[in-house]
Amino acid sequence: MSEIRGEKVSFGWKEITPLHTLPSAQAEDPIIVHCPPPRTRGRRIGRIVIALLLLVLVAVGSAFVAIEGGAVDGTLSARANEALNNAIGPRYTATVGSAAIRFDSDFRLAVEARDVHIVERSSGQHLTRTAALRMAVDPLALIGGRISIRHMEADGIQLDTG
């Protein structure tokens, strides 16, 4: 037996016989061997499509968990502070205490900025103080590269008119 290891064994078309003609199949209690059908191109493509769908599902699920878990809140606070300073111009400075991003009940992204202060640079006086500023953003518009604010509300606004 050890002499034939490594040798390649090949059979011709005439040497292949159906299993039901073998003597073991002619016995009183035959052993039936089940051979699964060969894999077709459709099954292979179907498995690839299912694997890709599972990969997309895992990616969407991990993004949802990252947003709901608050993993992006620190970066969001820094970006919100920078965007607010760019929006109000060089005369004023804005500080954002904290920012959070979550999904609301309609599966829109809800961005909340807390403790927003706008101060005049030259005098150092507070122009406005806002306890909380909330915006509901459409996530499908974000995928398309647009920002679509659906709902906006503010709590605890103090405006210094002096």
N, C-alpha and C. Protein backbone atom coordinates (compact mmCIF):
# COMPACT_ATOMS: atom_id res chain seq x y z
N MET A 1 0.82 -1.19 0.00
CA MET A 1 0.00 0.00 0.00
C MET A 1 0.86 1.25 0.00
N SER A 2 2.00 1.19 0.70
CA SER A 2 2.84 2.37 0.76
C SER A 2 3.56 2.62 -0.56
N GLU A 3 3.62 1.59 -1.43
CA GLU A 3 4.30 1.77 -2.70
C GLU A 3 3.53 2.66 -3.66
N ILE A 4 2.19 2.73 -3.52
CA ILE A 4 1.41 3.49 -4.48
C ILE A 4 1.10 4.91 -4.02
N ARG A 5 1.60 5.29 -2.87
CA ARG A 5 1.37 6.67 -2.43
C ARG A 5 2.10 7.62 -3.36
N GLY A 6 1.41 8.69 -3.72
CA GLY A 6 2.00 9.68 -4.60
C GLY A 6 1.73 9.41 -6.06
N GLU A 7 1.27 8.19 -6.38
CA GLU A 7 0.94 7.91 -7.78
C GLU A 7 -0.43 8.47 -8.10
N LYS A 8 -0.56 8.97 -9.30
CA LYS A 8 -1.85 9.48 -9.73
C LYS A 8 -2.62 8.35 -10.39
N VAL A 9 -3.84 8.14 -9.94
CA VAL A 9 -4.70 7.11 -10.49
C VAL A 9 -5.75 7.78 -11.35
N SER A 10 -5.91 7.31 -12.57
CA SER A 10 -6.92 7.90 -13.45
C SER A 10 -7.73 6.78 -14.08
N PHE A 11 -8.98 7.07 -14.34
CA PHE A 11 -9.90 6.11 -14.94
C PHE A 11 -10.37 6.66 -16.27
N GLY A 12 -10.63 5.77 -17.21
CA GLY A 12 -11.19 6.15 -18.50
C GLY A 12 -12.70 6.07 -18.46
N TRP A 13 -13.34 6.52 -19.53
CA TRP A 13 -14.81 6.51 -19.59
C TRP A 13 -15.38 5.09 -19.55
N LYS A 14 -14.67 4.14 -20.13
CA LYS A 14 -15.19 2.76 -20.18
C LYS A 14 -15.07 2.06 -18.85
N GLU A 15 -14.21 2.55 -17.96
CA GLU A 15 -14.02 1.92 -16.67
C GLU A 15 -15.04 2.39 -15.63
N ILE A 16 -15.76 3.46 -15.89
CA ILE A 16 -16.75 3.98 -14.95
C ILE A 16 -18.04 3.21 -15.13
N THR A 17 -18.52 2.59 -14.05
CA THR A 17 -19.76 1.82 -14.10
C THR A 17 -20.76 2.41 -13.14
N PRO A 18 -22.04 2.31 -13.43
CA PRO A 18 -23.06 2.80 -12.49
C PRO A 18 -23.04 1.99 -11.21
N LEU A 19 -23.41 2.62 -10.10
CA LEU A 19 -23.36 1.96 -8.80
C LEU A 19 -24.38 0.82 -8.68
N HIS A 20 -25.49 0.91 -9.37
CA HIS A 20 -26.51 -0.13 -9.21
C HIS A 20 -26.14 -1.43 -9.92
N THR A 21 -25.08 -1.44 -10.73
CA THR A 21 -24.65 -2.68 -11.37
C THR A 21 -23.59 -3.41 -10.57
N LEU A 22 -23.09 -2.83 -9.52
CA LEU A 22 -22.05 -3.47 -8.71
C LEU A 22 -22.67 -4.58 -7.87
N PRO A 23 -21.87 -5.56 -7.49
CA PRO A 23 -22.39 -6.70 -6.71
C PRO A 23 -22.97 -6.29 -5.36
N SER A 24 -22.44 -5.25 -4.73
CA SER A 24 -22.97 -4.85 -3.43
C SER A 24 -24.39 -4.31 -3.56
N ALA A 25 -24.76 -3.78 -4.73
CA ALA A 25 -26.12 -3.30 -4.94
C ALA A 25 -27.07 -4.44 -5.25
N GLN A 26 -26.57 -5.59 -5.63
CA GLN A 26 -27.41 -6.74 -5.94
C GLN A 26 -27.72 -7.60 -4.72
N ALA A 27 -27.20 -7.24 -3.58
CA ALA A 27 -27.41 -8.02 -2.36
C ALA A 27 -28.86 -7.90 -1.90
N GLU A 28 -29.20 -8.75 -0.93
CA GLU A 28 -30.56 -8.77 -0.42
C GLU A 28 -30.91 -7.47 0.29
N ASP A 29 -29.97 -6.92 1.06
CA ASP A 29 -30.16 -5.65 1.76
C ASP A 29 -29.16 -4.65 1.18
N PRO A 30 -29.50 -4.00 0.07
CA PRO A 30 -28.52 -3.14 -0.59
C PRO A 30 -28.25 -1.85 0.21
N ILE A 31 -27.07 -1.34 0.07
CA ILE A 31 -26.68 -0.06 0.67
C ILE A 31 -26.84 1.00 -0.41
N ILE A 32 -27.69 1.95 -0.14
CA ILE A 32 -27.95 2.99 -1.12
C ILE A 32 -27.07 4.19 -0.79
N VAL A 33 -26.29 4.60 -1.75
CA VAL A 33 -25.38 5.71 -1.58
C VAL A 33 -26.03 6.94 -2.22
N HIS A 34 -26.14 8.00 -1.41
CA HIS A 34 -26.73 9.24 -1.92
C HIS A 34 -25.61 10.19 -2.33
N CYS A 35 -25.64 10.61 -3.55
CA CYS A 35 -24.67 11.59 -4.04
C CYS A 35 -25.41 12.89 -4.29
N PRO A 36 -24.99 13.96 -3.66
CA PRO A 36 -25.68 15.23 -3.90
C PRO A 36 -25.45 15.70 -5.33
N PRO A 37 -26.40 16.45 -5.86
CA PRO A 37 -26.23 16.93 -7.23
C PRO A 37 -25.04 17.89 -7.31
N PRO A 38 -24.39 17.96 -8.43
CA PRO A 38 -23.25 18.87 -8.55
C PRO A 38 -23.69 20.32 -8.42
N ARG A 39 -22.80 21.12 -7.92
CA ARG A 39 -23.13 22.54 -7.73
C ARG A 39 -23.23 23.23 -9.08
N THR A 40 -24.27 24.01 -9.18
CA THR A 40 -24.48 24.72 -10.43
C THR A 40 -24.04 26.18 -10.29
N ARG A 41 -24.01 26.87 -11.38
CA ARG A 41 -23.60 28.28 -11.38
C ARG A 41 -24.61 29.12 -10.60
N GLY A 42 -25.89 28.78 -10.69
CA GLY A 42 -26.92 29.52 -9.97
C GLY A 42 -26.76 29.43 -8.47
N ARG A 43 -26.42 28.24 -7.97
CA ARG A 43 -26.20 28.09 -6.53
C ARG A 43 -24.98 28.88 -6.09
N ARG A 44 -23.94 28.88 -6.89
CA ARG A 44 -22.73 29.61 -6.55
C ARG A 44 -23.01 31.11 -6.51
N ILE A 45 -23.73 31.61 -7.50
CA ILE A 45 -24.08 33.03 -7.53
C ILE A 45 -25.01 33.37 -6.37
N GLY A 46 -25.95 32.47 -6.07
CA GLY A 46 -26.85 32.68 -4.93
C GLY A 46 -26.10 32.79 -3.61
N ARG A 47 -25.10 31.94 -3.42
CA ARG A 47 -24.30 32.01 -2.19
C ARG A 47 -23.50 33.31 -2.11
N ILE A 48 -22.98 33.76 -3.25
CA ILE A 48 -22.23 35.01 -3.26
C ILE A 48 -23.16 36.18 -2.93
N VAL A 49 -24.38 36.17 -3.49
CA VAL A 49 -25.33 37.25 -3.22
C VAL A 49 -25.73 37.24 -1.74
N ILE A 50 -25.96 36.08 -1.18
CA ILE A 50 -26.32 35.98 0.24
C ILE A 50 -25.16 36.46 1.12
N ALA A 51 -23.93 36.10 0.75
CA ALA A 51 -22.77 36.55 1.52
C ALA A 51 -22.63 38.08 1.46
N LEU A 52 -22.86 38.67 0.30
CA LEU A 52 -22.77 40.12 0.17
C LEU A 52 -23.89 40.81 0.96
N LEU A 53 -25.09 40.25 0.93
CA LEU A 53 -26.19 40.82 1.71
C LEU A 53 -25.90 40.75 3.20
N LEU A 54 -25.33 39.64 3.66
CA LEU A 54 -24.97 39.53 5.07
C LEU A 54 -23.88 40.53 5.44
N LEU A 55 -22.93 40.75 4.53
CA LEU A 55 -21.88 41.73 4.78
C LEU A 55 -22.46 43.14 4.89
N VAL A 56 -23.39 43.49 4.00
CA VAL A 56 -24.04 44.81 4.07
C VAL A 56 -24.86 44.93 5.35
N LEU A 57 -25.55 43.87 5.72
CA LEU A 57 -26.35 43.87 6.95
C LEU A 57 -25.46 44.07 8.18
N VAL A 58 -24.32 43.42 8.21
CA VAL A 58 -23.39 43.60 9.33
C VAL A 58 -22.85 45.02 9.35
N ALA A 59 -22.55 45.60 8.19
CA ALA A 59 -22.04 46.97 8.13
C ALA A 59 -23.08 47.97 8.62
N VAL A 60 -24.32 47.80 8.18
CA VAL A 60 -25.40 48.71 8.61
C VAL A 60 -25.65 48.54 10.11
N GLY A 61 -25.64 47.31 10.58
CA GLY A 61 -25.84 47.06 12.01
C GLY A 61 -24.74 47.65 12.86
N SER A 62 -23.50 47.54 12.41
CA SER A 62 -22.41 48.11 13.20
C SER A 62 -22.45 49.64 13.18
N ALA A 63 -22.88 50.24 12.07
CA ALA A 63 -23.03 51.70 12.03
C ALA A 63 -24.14 52.13 12.98
N PHE A 64 -25.24 51.38 13.01
CA PHE A 64 -26.34 51.69 13.92
C PHE A 64 -25.88 51.60 15.38
N VAL A 65 -25.14 50.56 15.71
CA VAL A 65 -24.64 50.38 17.08
C VAL A 65 -23.65 51.49 17.43
N ALA A 66 -22.81 51.88 16.48
CA ALA A 66 -21.84 52.95 16.75
C ALA A 66 -22.54 54.28 17.00
N ILE A 67 -23.59 54.56 16.24
CA ILE A 67 -24.32 55.82 16.43
C ILE A 67 -25.09 55.80 17.73
N GLU A 68 -25.82 54.73 17.99
CA GLU A 68 -26.61 54.66 19.22
C GLU A 68 -25.74 54.53 20.47
N GLY A 69 -24.56 53.95 20.33
CA GLY A 69 -23.68 53.77 21.48
C GLY A 69 -22.88 55.02 21.83
N GLY A 70 -22.87 56.00 20.95
CA GLY A 70 -22.16 57.24 21.23
C GLY A 70 -20.69 57.21 20.87
N ALA A 71 -20.29 56.32 19.98
CA ALA A 71 -18.88 56.22 19.61
C ALA A 71 -18.40 57.42 18.80
N VAL A 72 -19.31 58.13 18.15
CA VAL A 72 -18.91 59.25 17.30
C VAL A 72 -19.22 60.61 17.94
N ASP A 73 -19.65 60.63 19.19
CA ASP A 73 -20.05 61.88 19.82
C ASP A 73 -18.88 62.83 20.04
N GLY A 74 -17.70 62.33 20.40
CA GLY A 74 -16.55 63.20 20.62
C GLY A 74 -16.12 63.91 19.34
N THR A 75 -16.05 63.17 18.27
CA THR A 75 -15.70 63.76 16.97
C THR A 75 -16.77 64.73 16.53
N LEU A 76 -18.01 64.39 16.79
CA LEU A 76 -19.12 65.24 16.41
C LEU A 76 -19.07 66.58 17.15
N SER A 77 -18.70 66.57 18.42
CA SER A 77 -18.60 67.82 19.19
C SER A 77 -17.55 68.74 18.59
N ALA A 78 -16.41 68.18 18.24
CA ALA A 78 -15.34 69.00 17.66
C ALA A 78 -15.76 69.56 16.30
N ARG A 79 -16.39 68.72 15.48
CA ARG A 79 -16.84 69.18 14.16
C ARG A 79 -17.95 70.21 14.27
N ALA A 80 -18.85 70.02 15.23
CA ALA A 80 -19.95 70.98 15.40
C ALA A 80 -19.41 72.33 15.84
N ASN A 81 -18.44 72.33 16.73
CA ASN A 81 -17.83 73.57 17.18
C ASN A 81 -17.13 74.28 16.01
N GLU A 82 -16.41 73.53 15.20
CA GLU A 82 -15.72 74.09 14.05
C GLU A 82 -16.70 74.63 13.01
N ALA A 83 -17.76 73.89 12.72
CA ALA A 83 -18.75 74.32 11.73
C ALA A 83 -19.50 75.55 12.20
N LEU A 84 -19.81 75.60 13.49
CA LEU A 84 -20.52 76.76 14.02
C LEU A 84 -19.65 78.02 13.98
N ASN A 85 -18.37 77.87 14.28
CA ASN A 85 -17.45 79.01 14.21
C ASN A 85 -17.29 79.50 12.77
N ASN A 86 -17.26 78.59 11.81
CA ASN A 86 -17.17 78.99 10.40
C ASN A 86 -18.46 79.66 9.93
N ALA A 87 -19.59 79.26 10.48
CA ALA A 87 -20.88 79.79 10.02
C ALA A 87 -21.16 81.19 10.56
N ILE A 88 -20.72 81.51 11.77
CA ILE A 88 -21.09 82.80 12.36
C ILE A 88 -20.12 83.92 12.01
N GLY A 89 -19.01 83.60 11.41
CA GLY A 89 -18.10 84.65 10.96
C GLY A 89 -17.01 84.96 11.95
N PRO A 90 -16.11 85.90 11.57
CA PRO A 90 -14.94 86.17 12.41
C PRO A 90 -15.22 87.06 13.62
N ARG A 91 -16.36 87.68 13.67
CA ARG A 91 -16.67 88.61 14.76
C ARG A 91 -17.05 87.90 16.05
N TYR A 92 -17.55 86.67 15.94
CA TYR A 92 -18.04 85.92 17.10
C TYR A 92 -17.32 84.58 17.20
N THR A 93 -17.29 84.03 18.40
CA THR A 93 -16.79 82.67 18.62
C THR A 93 -17.91 81.86 19.26
N ALA A 94 -17.95 80.62 18.90
CA ALA A 94 -18.98 79.72 19.44
C ALA A 94 -18.30 78.54 20.12
N THR A 95 -18.90 78.12 21.22
CA THR A 95 -18.43 76.92 21.91
C THR A 95 -19.63 76.00 22.12
N VAL A 96 -19.39 74.73 21.87
CA VAL A 96 -20.41 73.70 22.06
C VAL A 96 -19.96 72.83 23.22
N GLY A 97 -20.80 72.73 24.23
CA GLY A 97 -20.45 71.92 25.40
C GLY A 97 -20.32 70.45 25.03
N SER A 98 -21.34 69.91 24.42
CA SER A 98 -21.30 68.51 23.98
C SER A 98 -22.30 68.34 22.85
N ALA A 99 -22.07 67.33 22.07
CA ALA A 99 -22.98 67.01 20.96
C ALA A 99 -23.20 65.51 20.94
N ALA A 100 -24.39 65.12 20.57
CA ALA A 100 -24.74 63.70 20.51
C ALA A 100 -25.53 63.45 19.23
N ILE A 101 -25.37 62.26 18.68
CA ILE A 101 -26.12 61.87 17.49
C ILE A 101 -26.79 60.54 17.78
N ARG A 102 -28.08 60.48 17.50
CA ARG A 102 -28.88 59.27 17.73
C ARG A 102 -29.91 59.15 16.61
N PHE A 103 -30.66 58.06 16.60
CA PHE A 103 -31.78 57.90 15.70
C PHE A 103 -33.05 58.25 16.46
N ASP A 104 -33.98 58.99 15.82
CA ASP A 104 -35.24 59.29 16.48
C ASP A 104 -36.26 58.20 16.13
N SER A 105 -37.50 58.40 16.50
CA SER A 105 -38.52 57.37 16.30
C SER A 105 -38.84 57.12 14.83
N ASP A 106 -38.56 58.09 13.96
CA ASP A 106 -38.81 57.91 12.52
C ASP A 106 -37.55 57.49 11.77
N PHE A 107 -36.53 57.02 12.47
CA PHE A 107 -35.24 56.61 11.91
C PHE A 107 -34.56 57.71 11.13
N ARG A 108 -34.72 58.93 11.60
CA ARG A 108 -33.93 60.05 11.10
C ARG A 108 -32.81 60.28 12.10
N LEU A 109 -31.72 60.81 11.63
CA LEU A 109 -30.63 61.13 12.54
C LEU A 109 -30.99 62.36 13.35
N ALA A 110 -30.88 62.27 14.64
CA ALA A 110 -31.17 63.40 15.52
C ALA A 110 -29.85 63.88 16.11
N VAL A 111 -29.50 65.11 15.82
CA VAL A 111 -28.27 65.71 16.32
C VAL A 111 -28.65 66.70 17.41
N GLU A 112 -28.04 66.59 18.57
CA GLU A 112 -28.32 67.49 19.67
C GLU A 112 -27.03 68.11 20.16
N ALA A 113 -27.00 69.44 20.18
CA ALA A 113 -25.86 70.19 20.72
C ALA A 113 -26.31 70.83 22.03
N ARG A 114 -25.54 70.63 23.09
CA ARG A 114 -25.89 71.17 24.41
C ARG A 114 -24.89 72.25 24.81
N ASP A 115 -25.37 73.20 25.59
CA ASP A 115 -24.54 74.29 26.13
C ASP A 115 -23.80 75.04 25.02
N VAL A 116 -24.57 75.61 24.10
CA VAL A 116 -24.00 76.37 23.00
C VAL A 116 -23.92 77.84 23.43
N HIS A 117 -22.72 78.39 23.41
CA HIS A 117 -22.48 79.79 23.78
C HIS A 117 -21.88 80.51 22.59
N ILE A 118 -22.43 81.69 22.27
CA ILE A 118 -21.86 82.55 21.24
C ILE A 118 -21.39 83.82 21.92
N VAL A 119 -20.09 84.12 21.76
CA VAL A 119 -19.45 85.24 22.45
C VAL A 119 -18.86 86.17 21.40
N GLU A 120 -18.99 87.49 21.65
CA GLU A 120 -18.37 88.47 20.77
C GLU A 120 -16.88 88.52 21.07
N ARG A 121 -16.03 88.45 20.04
CA ARG A 121 -14.58 88.37 20.23
C ARG A 121 -13.99 89.64 20.84
N SER A 122 -14.43 90.80 20.37
CA SER A 122 -13.80 92.05 20.81
C SER A 122 -14.12 92.37 22.27
N SER A 123 -15.36 92.24 22.68
CA SER A 123 -15.74 92.62 24.04
C SER A 123 -15.77 91.43 25.01
N GLY A 124 -15.92 90.22 24.52
CA GLY A 124 -15.99 89.04 25.39
C GLY A 124 -17.35 88.84 26.02
N GLN A 125 -18.38 89.58 25.56
CA GLN A 125 -19.72 89.43 26.13
C GLN A 125 -20.48 88.33 25.40
N HIS A 126 -21.34 87.67 26.19
CA HIS A 126 -22.17 86.61 25.63
C HIS A 126 -23.28 87.21 24.78
N LEU A 127 -23.41 86.69 23.55
CA LEU A 127 -24.50 87.12 22.69
C LEU A 127 -25.72 86.21 22.93
N THR A 128 -25.50 84.91 22.89
CA THR A 128 -26.59 83.96 23.17
C THR A 128 -26.06 82.79 23.98
N ARG A 129 -26.97 82.21 24.73
CA ARG A 129 -26.72 80.95 25.43
C ARG A 129 -27.90 80.05 25.12
N THR A 130 -27.60 78.84 24.69
CA THR A 130 -28.66 77.89 24.37
C THR A 130 -28.40 76.62 25.17
N ALA A 131 -29.43 76.14 25.86
CA ALA A 131 -29.27 74.92 26.65
C ALA A 131 -29.17 73.70 25.73
N ALA A 132 -30.05 73.60 24.74
CA ALA A 132 -30.02 72.46 23.83
C ALA A 132 -30.58 72.87 22.48
N LEU A 133 -29.95 72.39 21.44
CA LEU A 133 -30.38 72.64 20.07
C LEU A 133 -30.47 71.29 19.39
N ARG A 134 -31.66 70.92 18.91
CA ARG A 134 -31.88 69.60 18.31
C ARG A 134 -32.30 69.74 16.86
N MET A 135 -31.74 68.87 16.00
CA MET A 135 -32.09 68.85 14.59
C MET A 135 -32.31 67.40 14.16
N ALA A 136 -33.35 67.16 13.37
CA ALA A 136 -33.59 65.84 12.80
C ALA A 136 -33.19 65.90 11.33
N VAL A 137 -32.20 65.06 10.96
CA VAL A 137 -31.64 65.05 9.62
C VAL A 137 -32.04 63.75 8.94
N ASP A 138 -32.38 63.83 7.65
CA ASP A 138 -32.76 62.65 6.89
C ASP A 138 -31.50 61.87 6.49
N PRO A 139 -31.34 60.60 6.95
CA PRO A 139 -30.11 59.86 6.64
C PRO A 139 -29.99 59.48 5.17
N LEU A 140 -31.11 59.29 4.47
CA LEU A 140 -31.03 58.95 3.05
C LEU A 140 -30.50 60.13 2.24
N ALA A 141 -30.82 61.35 2.67
CA ALA A 141 -30.26 62.52 1.99
C ALA A 141 -28.76 62.62 2.27
N LEU A 142 -28.32 62.21 3.46
CA LEU A 142 -26.89 62.24 3.76
C LEU A 142 -26.12 61.27 2.89
N ILE A 143 -26.71 60.13 2.59
CA ILE A 143 -26.05 59.16 1.71
C ILE A 143 -25.86 59.78 0.33
N GLY A 144 -26.83 60.56 -0.10
CA GLY A 144 -26.74 61.23 -1.39
C GLY A 144 -25.87 62.47 -1.37
N GLY A 145 -25.32 62.85 -0.21
CA GLY A 145 -24.44 64.00 -0.12
C GLY A 145 -25.14 65.31 0.18
N ARG A 146 -26.42 65.25 0.55
CA ARG A 146 -27.16 66.46 0.89
C ARG A 146 -27.52 66.43 2.36
N ILE A 147 -27.70 67.61 2.94
CA ILE A 147 -28.19 67.71 4.32
C ILE A 147 -29.61 68.24 4.25
N SER A 148 -30.54 67.45 4.73
CA SER A 148 -31.94 67.82 4.71
C SER A 148 -32.45 67.81 6.15
N ILE A 149 -32.62 69.00 6.73
CA ILE A 149 -33.10 69.12 8.11
C ILE A 149 -34.63 69.06 8.08
N ARG A 150 -35.20 68.07 8.74
CA ARG A 150 -36.64 67.87 8.76
C ARG A 150 -37.32 68.58 9.93
N HIS A 151 -36.60 68.70 11.03
CA HIS A 151 -37.20 69.25 12.23
C HIS A 151 -36.09 69.90 13.06
N MET A 152 -36.39 71.04 13.66
CA MET A 152 -35.40 71.72 14.48
C MET A 152 -36.10 72.34 15.69
N GLU A 153 -35.48 72.20 16.84
CA GLU A 153 -36.03 72.83 18.05
C GLU A 153 -34.89 73.22 18.98
N ALA A 154 -35.17 74.24 19.79
CA ALA A 154 -34.16 74.75 20.73
C ALA A 154 -34.81 74.92 22.10
N ASP A 155 -34.05 74.67 23.14
CA ASP A 155 -34.50 74.84 24.52
C ASP A 155 -33.56 75.77 25.25
N GLY A 156 -34.12 76.63 26.11
CA GLY A 156 -33.35 77.47 27.01
C GLY A 156 -32.51 78.51 26.31
N ILE A 157 -33.10 79.24 25.37
CA ILE A 157 -32.37 80.29 24.67
C ILE A 157 -32.37 81.57 25.50
N GLN A 158 -31.18 82.12 25.71
CA GLN A 158 -31.05 83.41 26.40
C GLN A 158 -30.30 84.33 25.45
N LEU A 159 -30.95 85.40 25.02
CA LEU A 159 -30.37 86.34 24.08
C LEU A 159 -30.07 87.64 24.80
N ASP A 160 -28.82 88.07 24.73
CA ASP A 160 -28.42 89.34 25.36
C ASP A 160 -28.48 90.43 24.29
N THR A 161 -29.49 91.28 24.38
CA THR A 161 -29.68 92.32 23.37
C THR A 161 -28.81 93.54 23.62
N GLY A 162 -28.17 93.61 24.75
CA GLY A 162 -27.35 94.76 25.09
C GLY A 162 -26.05 94.70 24.35
